[in-house]
Amino acid sequence: MANLKSKITLNVELDENRVPEKLNWTAEDGGITNAEAKAMMLSVWDSKAQESLRIDLWTKDMPVDEMKVFFHQTLVAMSNTFNRATQDDKMTATMKDFCDYFAEKLELKNK
């Protein structure tokens, strides 16, 4: 059986102070080619060190109101992923309650 591989590429253009100006990504298996993004969060699990490693980037022109929506949607997605990975319905409900609270405090429900 052949080993299947999938490649995701992230490109970050920086200004002279190394602040991201442009983010683009490609995931050919998903039909994405050099798509523009304003922010990204990447987490990987280091099993040996038992810790999460992260890359969080956003462009300097990312609007704060969009960043709030991005965080909310990311938290909701993490709740869904947590449920699929653990089948822990009780904690998933608690996480979703927090997502609702987060959206309410930031007044995102009307958007």
Protein backbone atom coordinates (compact mmCIF):
# COMPACT_ATOMS: atom_id res chain seq x y z
CA MET A 1 0.00 0.00 0.00
CA ALA A 2 1.37 3.41 -0.99
CA ASN A 3 1.97 6.06 1.64
CA LEU A 4 -0.40 8.94 1.06
CA LYS A 5 0.78 12.44 1.85
CA SER A 6 -0.90 15.81 1.98
CA LYS A 7 0.92 19.12 2.10
CA ILE A 8 -0.21 22.41 3.61
CA THR A 9 1.95 25.45 2.87
CA LEU A 10 1.90 28.75 4.77
CA ASN A 11 3.60 31.85 3.36
CA VAL A 12 4.21 34.90 5.53
CA GLU A 13 5.41 38.22 4.11
CA LEU A 14 7.02 40.42 6.76
CA ASP A 15 7.76 44.12 6.93
CA GLU A 16 11.18 45.48 7.96
CA ASN A 17 10.26 44.94 11.64
CA ARG A 18 9.28 41.30 10.98
CA VAL A 19 5.57 42.06 11.45
CA PRO A 20 3.31 40.03 9.13
CA GLU A 21 1.95 42.05 6.22
CA LYS A 22 0.49 39.18 4.18
CA LEU A 23 -0.52 35.61 4.95
CA ASN A 24 -1.27 33.10 2.21
CA TRP A 25 -1.87 29.37 2.38
CA THR A 26 -2.19 26.43 0.05
CA ALA A 27 -3.82 23.06 0.69
CA GLU A 28 -4.14 21.46 -2.72
CA ASP A 29 -6.09 18.44 -1.39
CA GLY A 30 -8.68 20.91 -0.13
CA GLY A 31 -8.75 22.92 -3.34
CA ILE A 32 -7.03 25.92 -1.74
CA THR A 33 -4.28 27.63 -3.74
CA ASN A 34 -2.45 30.67 -2.38
CA ALA A 35 -5.54 31.92 -0.53
CA GLU A 36 -5.17 35.14 1.45
CA ALA A 37 -5.76 35.16 5.20
CA LYS A 38 -5.60 37.92 7.80
CA ALA A 39 -4.91 35.66 10.79
CA MET A 40 -3.94 32.08 11.63
CA MET A 41 -3.50 29.85 14.64
CA LEU A 42 -1.58 26.61 14.40
CA SER A 43 -1.20 24.15 17.28
CA VAL A 44 0.85 20.98 17.25
CA TRP A 45 1.24 18.42 20.03
CA ASP A 46 4.78 17.47 21.07
CA SER A 47 4.20 14.04 22.61
CA LYS A 48 7.73 13.71 23.99
CA ALA A 49 7.60 17.04 25.84
CA GLN A 50 3.86 16.66 26.56
CA GLU A 51 3.18 20.21 25.44
CA SER A 52 1.37 22.17 22.81
CA LEU A 53 3.44 24.28 20.43
CA ARG A 54 1.76 27.23 18.76
CA ILE A 55 2.15 29.75 16.00
CA ASP A 56 -0.30 32.66 16.17
CA LEU A 57 0.02 35.28 13.45
CA TRP A 58 -2.12 38.11 12.15
CA THR A 59 -1.46 40.85 9.66
CA LYS A 60 -1.06 44.40 10.86
CA ASP A 61 -4.21 45.38 8.98
CA MET A 62 -6.39 42.71 10.68
CA PRO A 63 -9.36 44.65 12.10
CA VAL A 64 -9.98 44.16 15.83
CA ASP A 65 -13.68 43.45 15.29
CA GLU A 66 -12.79 40.66 12.85
CA MET A 67 -10.23 39.30 15.34
CA LYS A 68 -12.98 39.00 17.95
CA VAL A 69 -15.17 37.03 15.53
CA PHE A 70 -12.16 34.90 14.54
CA PHE A 71 -11.49 34.03 18.18
CA HIS A 72 -15.15 33.20 18.81
CA GLN A 73 -15.39 30.93 15.77
CA THR A 74 -12.09 29.26 16.74
CA LEU A 75 -13.36 28.59 20.28
CA VAL A 76 -16.59 27.07 18.90
CA ALA A 77 -14.58 24.90 16.49
CA MET A 78 -12.29 23.79 19.34
CA SER A 79 -15.37 22.79 21.36
CA ASN A 80 -16.61 20.68 18.46
CA THR A 81 -13.19 19.10 17.95
CA PHE A 82 -12.88 18.39 21.68
CA ASN A 83 -16.22 16.57 21.57
CA ARG A 84 -15.26 14.50 18.51
CA ALA A 85 -11.90 13.60 20.10
CA THR A 86 -13.12 12.79 23.63
CA GLN A 87 -16.90 12.22 23.48
CA ASP A 88 -17.00 14.21 26.74
CA ASP A 89 -20.46 15.74 26.33
CA LYS A 90 -20.49 17.40 29.75
CA MET A 91 -17.26 19.35 29.22
CA THR A 92 -18.26 20.15 25.65
CA ALA A 93 -21.47 21.72 26.95
CA THR A 94 -19.41 23.75 29.44
CA MET A 95 -17.10 24.91 26.67
CA LYS A 96 -20.06 25.89 24.48
CA ASP A 97 -21.55 27.83 27.42
CA PHE A 98 -18.29 29.77 27.59
CA CYS A 99 -18.44 30.40 23.83
CA ASP A 100 -21.94 31.84 24.26
CA TYR A 101 -20.72 33.99 27.18
CA PHE A 102 -17.73 35.16 25.11
CA ALA A 103 -20.00 36.16 22.21
CA GLU A 104 -22.44 37.91 24.54
CA LYS A 105 -19.71 39.94 26.27
CA LEU A 106 -18.24 40.99 22.94
CA GLU A 107 -21.71 41.64 21.52
CA LEU A 108 -21.11 39.27 18.62
CA LYS A 109 -24.57 37.68 18.54
CA ASN A 110 -26.00 40.56 16.52
CA LYS A 111 -23.35 40.24 13.82
